[in-house]
Amino acid sequence: MSATMPSRKIHHFKFEPMFNKLKQIKDLRSQANEMKNMLAQETVTGEAKGGKITIVMDGNQEIQSVNIDPELLSPDNKKNVEDGIREAVQSAVKEVQKIMVKKMQSGDISMPNFS
């Protein structure tokens, strides 16, 4: 009586596609850091209430400074100041977005290819 062993298929796992994806992730992180550093050099100012409230923001949308005219600082003006801060931040964010669009159009910032 002869015993036969079942045949086993040996699967060869290909590491190349996985390594290519890891390289793409590394490249993407590198591009993101370059973009972050480039945008950090940009600054915009958002204004509200006729320039009595100003927000300075960098290209990464981090607020660098807030300036409120002392004339507005009274309990009676609380809602007015809050609205002004919101408006100034929105204005600054829009300016940052405009800078990003210009940089993308000029090729300074490129979108990654995930194919």
N, C-alpha and C. Protein backbone atom coordinates (compact mmCIF):
# COMPACT_ATOMS: atom_id res chain seq x y z
N MET A 1 0.82 -1.16 0.00
CA MET A 1 0.00 0.00 0.00
C MET A 1 0.88 1.24 0.00
N SER A 2 0.67 2.07 -0.92
CA SER A 2 1.50 3.27 -0.96
C SER A 2 0.68 4.48 -0.58
N ALA A 3 1.28 5.24 0.28
CA ALA A 3 0.62 6.48 0.72
C ALA A 3 1.12 7.62 -0.14
N THR A 4 0.20 8.36 -0.66
CA THR A 4 0.61 9.52 -1.46
C THR A 4 0.33 10.79 -0.68
N MET A 5 1.24 11.63 -0.76
CA MET A 5 1.10 12.92 -0.08
C MET A 5 0.36 13.87 -1.02
N PRO A 6 -0.55 14.62 -0.49
CA PRO A 6 -1.23 15.60 -1.36
C PRO A 6 -0.23 16.63 -1.86
N SER A 7 -0.42 17.00 -3.09
CA SER A 7 0.51 18.00 -3.64
C SER A 7 0.17 19.37 -3.07
N ARG A 8 1.17 20.12 -2.81
CA ARG A 8 0.99 21.48 -2.28
C ARG A 8 1.47 22.47 -3.32
N LYS A 9 0.66 23.44 -3.50
CA LYS A 9 1.05 24.49 -4.44
C LYS A 9 1.84 25.53 -3.66
N ILE A 10 2.89 25.95 -4.24
CA ILE A 10 3.70 27.00 -3.62
C ILE A 10 3.33 28.31 -4.30
N HIS A 11 2.87 29.25 -3.49
CA HIS A 11 2.49 30.56 -4.01
C HIS A 11 3.66 31.52 -3.86
N HIS A 12 3.98 32.15 -4.93
CA HIS A 12 5.05 33.14 -4.90
C HIS A 12 4.41 34.52 -4.74
N PHE A 13 4.67 35.11 -3.63
CA PHE A 13 4.13 36.45 -3.36
C PHE A 13 5.06 37.48 -3.96
N LYS A 14 4.51 38.38 -4.70
CA LYS A 14 5.33 39.41 -5.33
C LYS A 14 5.34 40.66 -4.44
N PHE A 15 6.51 41.03 -4.02
CA PHE A 15 6.65 42.18 -3.14
C PHE A 15 6.73 43.50 -3.90
N GLU A 16 7.04 43.45 -5.18
CA GLU A 16 7.25 44.68 -5.94
C GLU A 16 6.07 45.65 -5.88
N PRO A 17 4.81 45.17 -6.10
CA PRO A 17 3.70 46.14 -6.02
C PRO A 17 3.59 46.79 -4.64
N MET A 18 3.84 46.02 -3.60
CA MET A 18 3.76 46.56 -2.25
C MET A 18 4.85 47.60 -2.02
N PHE A 19 6.06 47.32 -2.48
CA PHE A 19 7.15 48.28 -2.32
C PHE A 19 6.90 49.54 -3.13
N ASN A 20 6.29 49.39 -4.31
CA ASN A 20 5.96 50.56 -5.12
C ASN A 20 4.95 51.45 -4.38
N LYS A 21 3.96 50.84 -3.74
CA LYS A 21 2.96 51.62 -2.97
C LYS A 21 3.64 52.32 -1.80
N LEU A 22 4.55 51.63 -1.12
CA LEU A 22 5.26 52.25 0.00
C LEU A 22 6.10 53.43 -0.48
N LYS A 23 6.72 53.29 -1.64
CA LYS A 23 7.50 54.39 -2.20
C LYS A 23 6.58 55.56 -2.55
N GLN A 24 5.40 55.26 -3.10
CA GLN A 24 4.44 56.32 -3.42
C GLN A 24 4.01 57.07 -2.16
N ILE A 25 3.79 56.33 -1.09
CA ILE A 25 3.40 56.96 0.19
C ILE A 25 4.53 57.85 0.68
N LYS A 26 5.76 57.35 0.61
CA LYS A 26 6.91 58.15 1.05
C LYS A 26 7.04 59.42 0.20
N ASP A 27 6.88 59.28 -1.13
CA ASP A 27 6.95 60.43 -2.02
C ASP A 27 5.83 61.43 -1.71
N LEU A 28 4.64 60.92 -1.43
CA LEU A 28 3.51 61.78 -1.11
C LEU A 28 3.78 62.57 0.17
N ARG A 29 4.33 61.90 1.17
CA ARG A 29 4.67 62.60 2.43
C ARG A 29 5.71 63.69 2.17
N SER A 30 6.68 63.38 1.34
CA SER A 30 7.72 64.34 1.01
C SER A 30 7.11 65.55 0.30
N GLN A 31 6.22 65.31 -0.66
CA GLN A 31 5.55 66.40 -1.37
C GLN A 31 4.71 67.23 -0.41
N ALA A 32 4.01 66.57 0.52
CA ALA A 32 3.18 67.28 1.49
C ALA A 32 4.03 68.18 2.38
N ASN A 33 5.19 67.68 2.80
CA ASN A 33 6.08 68.50 3.63
C ASN A 33 6.63 69.68 2.86
N GLU A 34 6.99 69.47 1.59
CA GLU A 34 7.47 70.57 0.76
C GLU A 34 6.39 71.62 0.60
N MET A 35 5.15 71.17 0.34
CA MET A 35 4.05 72.10 0.17
C MET A 35 3.79 72.87 1.47
N LYS A 36 3.83 72.19 2.59
CA LYS A 36 3.60 72.83 3.88
C LYS A 36 4.67 73.89 4.14
N ASN A 37 5.92 73.57 3.86
CA ASN A 37 7.01 74.53 4.06
C ASN A 37 6.86 75.73 3.13
N MET A 38 6.47 75.48 1.88
CA MET A 38 6.29 76.56 0.92
C MET A 38 5.15 77.48 1.36
N LEU A 39 4.04 76.88 1.78
CA LEU A 39 2.89 77.68 2.18
C LEU A 39 3.13 78.42 3.49
N ALA A 40 3.99 77.91 4.34
CA ALA A 40 4.30 78.59 5.60
C ALA A 40 4.97 79.93 5.34
N GLN A 41 5.60 80.08 4.17
CA GLN A 41 6.28 81.34 3.83
C GLN A 41 5.29 82.42 3.39
N GLU A 42 4.08 82.01 3.02
CA GLU A 42 3.06 82.96 2.57
C GLU A 42 2.30 83.52 3.76
N THR A 43 1.96 84.79 3.72
CA THR A 43 1.08 85.35 4.74
C THR A 43 0.00 86.18 4.06
N VAL A 44 -1.18 86.15 4.66
CA VAL A 44 -2.30 86.94 4.17
C VAL A 44 -2.91 87.67 5.36
N THR A 45 -3.64 88.74 5.05
CA THR A 45 -4.34 89.48 6.09
C THR A 45 -5.82 89.52 5.74
N GLY A 46 -6.63 89.12 6.69
CA GLY A 46 -8.08 89.23 6.55
C GLY A 46 -8.54 90.39 7.40
N GLU A 47 -9.44 91.19 6.86
CA GLU A 47 -9.92 92.37 7.58
C GLU A 47 -11.43 92.35 7.68
N ALA A 48 -11.92 93.04 8.72
CA ALA A 48 -13.37 93.21 8.90
C ALA A 48 -13.59 94.52 9.65
N LYS A 49 -14.83 94.95 9.62
CA LYS A 49 -15.25 96.17 10.32
C LYS A 49 -14.39 97.36 9.91
N GLY A 50 -14.21 97.48 8.60
CA GLY A 50 -13.46 98.63 8.08
C GLY A 50 -12.00 98.63 8.48
N GLY A 51 -11.41 97.44 8.66
CA GLY A 51 -10.00 97.33 9.03
C GLY A 51 -9.76 97.43 10.52
N LYS A 52 -10.82 97.52 11.30
CA LYS A 52 -10.64 97.61 12.76
C LYS A 52 -10.35 96.25 13.39
N ILE A 53 -10.60 95.19 12.64
CA ILE A 53 -10.23 93.84 13.07
C ILE A 53 -9.41 93.23 11.94
N THR A 54 -8.19 92.77 12.28
CA THR A 54 -7.34 92.13 11.28
C THR A 54 -6.82 90.80 11.81
N ILE A 55 -6.73 89.87 10.90
CA ILE A 55 -6.18 88.54 11.19
C ILE A 55 -5.05 88.31 10.20
N VAL A 56 -3.87 87.95 10.70
CA VAL A 56 -2.76 87.57 9.83
C VAL A 56 -2.64 86.05 9.92
N MET A 57 -2.63 85.42 8.74
CA MET A 57 -2.62 83.96 8.67
C MET A 57 -1.54 83.52 7.69
N ASP A 58 -0.88 82.40 7.99
CA ASP A 58 0.09 81.89 7.02
C ASP A 58 -0.62 80.99 6.01
N GLY A 59 0.12 80.52 5.03
CA GLY A 59 -0.45 79.71 3.96
C GLY A 59 -0.96 78.36 4.41
N ASN A 60 -0.61 77.93 5.60
CA ASN A 60 -1.13 76.69 6.16
C ASN A 60 -2.38 76.94 7.01
N GLN A 61 -2.92 78.14 6.89
CA GLN A 61 -4.11 78.57 7.59
C GLN A 61 -3.94 78.59 9.11
N GLU A 62 -2.73 78.86 9.55
CA GLU A 62 -2.47 79.04 10.97
C GLU A 62 -2.47 80.53 11.26
N ILE A 63 -3.27 80.93 12.24
CA ILE A 63 -3.38 82.34 12.57
C ILE A 63 -2.11 82.79 13.28
N GLN A 64 -1.50 83.83 12.73
CA GLN A 64 -0.26 84.37 13.28
C GLN A 64 -0.53 85.51 14.26
N SER A 65 -1.55 86.30 13.96
CA SER A 65 -1.88 87.39 14.87
C SER A 65 -3.32 87.84 14.67
N VAL A 66 -3.87 88.44 15.73
CA VAL A 66 -5.21 89.02 15.71
C VAL A 66 -5.06 90.43 16.28
N ASN A 67 -5.63 91.39 15.58
CA ASN A 67 -5.57 92.76 16.06
C ASN A 67 -6.99 93.33 16.06
N ILE A 68 -7.40 93.85 17.22
CA ILE A 68 -8.72 94.45 17.37
C ILE A 68 -8.53 95.88 17.85
N ASP A 69 -9.08 96.81 17.10
CA ASP A 69 -9.01 98.22 17.48
C ASP A 69 -9.62 98.39 18.87
N PRO A 70 -8.89 99.02 19.80
CA PRO A 70 -9.40 99.20 21.16
C PRO A 70 -10.77 99.88 21.22
N GLU A 71 -11.07 100.65 20.22
CA GLU A 71 -12.36 101.33 20.15
C GLU A 71 -13.53 100.32 20.16
N LEU A 72 -13.27 99.12 19.65
CA LEU A 72 -14.32 98.10 19.60
C LEU A 72 -14.45 97.30 20.89
N LEU A 73 -13.48 97.43 21.78
CA LEU A 73 -13.43 96.58 22.97
C LEU A 73 -14.26 97.15 24.12
N SER A 74 -15.52 96.87 24.06
CA SER A 74 -16.42 97.21 25.16
C SER A 74 -17.49 96.14 25.22
N PRO A 75 -18.08 95.94 26.38
CA PRO A 75 -19.11 94.90 26.50
C PRO A 75 -20.26 95.10 25.49
N ASP A 76 -20.52 96.33 25.13
CA ASP A 76 -21.60 96.60 24.18
C ASP A 76 -21.27 96.06 22.77
N ASN A 77 -20.00 95.95 22.47
CA ASN A 77 -19.57 95.54 21.14
C ASN A 77 -19.23 94.05 21.03
N LYS A 78 -19.52 93.27 22.04
CA LYS A 78 -19.14 91.85 22.04
C LYS A 78 -19.58 91.14 20.76
N LYS A 79 -20.84 91.21 20.40
CA LYS A 79 -21.36 90.53 19.21
C LYS A 79 -20.71 91.09 17.95
N ASN A 80 -20.51 92.37 17.88
CA ASN A 80 -19.88 93.03 16.74
C ASN A 80 -18.44 92.52 16.55
N VAL A 81 -17.71 92.40 17.66
CA VAL A 81 -16.33 91.92 17.60
C VAL A 81 -16.30 90.44 17.19
N GLU A 82 -17.20 89.64 17.75
CA GLU A 82 -17.25 88.22 17.38
C GLU A 82 -17.53 88.05 15.89
N ASP A 83 -18.50 88.81 15.39
CA ASP A 83 -18.82 88.76 13.96
C ASP A 83 -17.62 89.21 13.12
N GLY A 84 -16.95 90.24 13.59
CA GLY A 84 -15.79 90.76 12.87
C GLY A 84 -14.65 89.76 12.80
N ILE A 85 -14.41 89.06 13.90
CA ILE A 85 -13.35 88.04 13.92
C ILE A 85 -13.69 86.92 12.93
N ARG A 86 -14.93 86.47 12.95
CA ARG A 86 -15.36 85.43 12.02
C ARG A 86 -15.17 85.90 10.58
N GLU A 87 -15.60 87.11 10.27
CA GLU A 87 -15.45 87.66 8.92
C GLU A 87 -13.98 87.77 8.51
N ALA A 88 -13.14 88.23 9.43
CA ALA A 88 -11.71 88.39 9.12
C ALA A 88 -11.05 87.04 8.87
N VAL A 89 -11.41 86.03 9.66
CA VAL A 89 -10.84 84.69 9.45
C VAL A 89 -11.30 84.15 8.10
N GLN A 90 -12.56 84.29 7.79
CA GLN A 90 -13.07 83.81 6.49
C GLN A 90 -12.36 84.52 5.34
N SER A 91 -12.13 85.80 5.50
CA SER A 91 -11.44 86.58 4.46
C SER A 91 -10.01 86.05 4.28
N ALA A 92 -9.31 85.79 5.38
CA ALA A 92 -7.94 85.30 5.30
C ALA A 92 -7.90 83.91 4.67
N VAL A 93 -8.84 83.04 5.03
CA VAL A 93 -8.88 81.69 4.46
C VAL A 93 -9.09 81.77 2.94
N LYS A 94 -9.96 82.65 2.49
CA LYS A 94 -10.18 82.82 1.05
C LYS A 94 -8.91 83.28 0.35
N GLU A 95 -8.15 84.16 0.99
CA GLU A 95 -6.89 84.62 0.40
C GLU A 95 -5.88 83.47 0.30
N VAL A 96 -5.82 82.63 1.33
CA VAL A 96 -4.92 81.47 1.29
C VAL A 96 -5.34 80.53 0.16
N GLN A 97 -6.62 80.32 0.00
CA GLN A 97 -7.11 79.45 -1.07
C GLN A 97 -6.73 80.01 -2.44
N LYS A 98 -6.79 81.32 -2.60
CA LYS A 98 -6.39 81.95 -3.86
C LYS A 98 -4.91 81.70 -4.13
N ILE A 99 -4.08 81.81 -3.10
CA ILE A 99 -2.64 81.55 -3.24
C ILE A 99 -2.41 80.11 -3.66
N MET A 100 -3.12 79.18 -3.03
CA MET A 100 -2.95 77.76 -3.36
C MET A 100 -3.34 77.50 -4.82
N VAL A 101 -4.43 78.10 -5.28
CA VAL A 101 -4.86 77.91 -6.68
C VAL A 101 -3.79 78.46 -7.62
N LYS A 102 -3.26 79.65 -7.32
CA LYS A 102 -2.21 80.23 -8.16
C LYS A 102 -0.98 79.33 -8.21
N LYS A 103 -0.59 78.77 -7.07
CA LYS A 103 0.58 77.90 -7.01
C LYS A 103 0.34 76.60 -7.78
N MET A 104 -0.88 76.09 -7.73
CA MET A 104 -1.20 74.88 -8.48
C MET A 104 -1.19 75.18 -9.98
N GLN A 105 -1.74 76.32 -10.37
CA GLN A 105 -1.78 76.69 -11.78
C GLN A 105 -0.38 76.94 -12.33
N SER A 106 0.50 77.47 -11.49
CA SER A 106 1.87 77.76 -11.95
C SER A 106 2.76 76.52 -11.89
N GLY A 107 2.28 75.46 -11.25
CA GLY A 107 3.07 74.24 -11.15
C GLY A 107 3.92 74.17 -9.90
N ASP A 108 3.88 75.21 -9.05
CA ASP A 108 4.63 75.17 -7.79
C ASP A 108 4.13 74.07 -6.87
N ILE A 109 2.83 73.80 -6.94
CA ILE A 109 2.22 72.71 -6.15
C ILE A 109 1.60 71.77 -7.16
N SER A 110 1.93 70.49 -7.04
CA SER A 110 1.33 69.51 -7.96
C SER A 110 0.56 68.48 -7.14
N MET A 111 -0.48 67.99 -7.74
CA MET A 111 -1.28 66.97 -7.10
C MET A 111 -0.65 65.61 -7.40
N PRO A 112 -0.62 64.71 -6.42
CA PRO A 112 0.00 63.40 -6.65
C PRO A 112 -0.82 62.54 -7.61
N ASN A 113 -0.13 61.64 -8.30
CA ASN A 113 -0.77 60.69 -9.19
C ASN A 113 -0.83 59.36 -8.48
N PHE A 114 -2.03 58.86 -8.21
CA PHE A 114 -2.19 57.62 -7.45
C PHE A 114 -2.35 56.39 -8.34
N SER A 115 -2.11 56.51 -9.62
CA SER A 115 -2.32 55.36 -10.51
C SER A 115 -1.19 54.36 -10.40
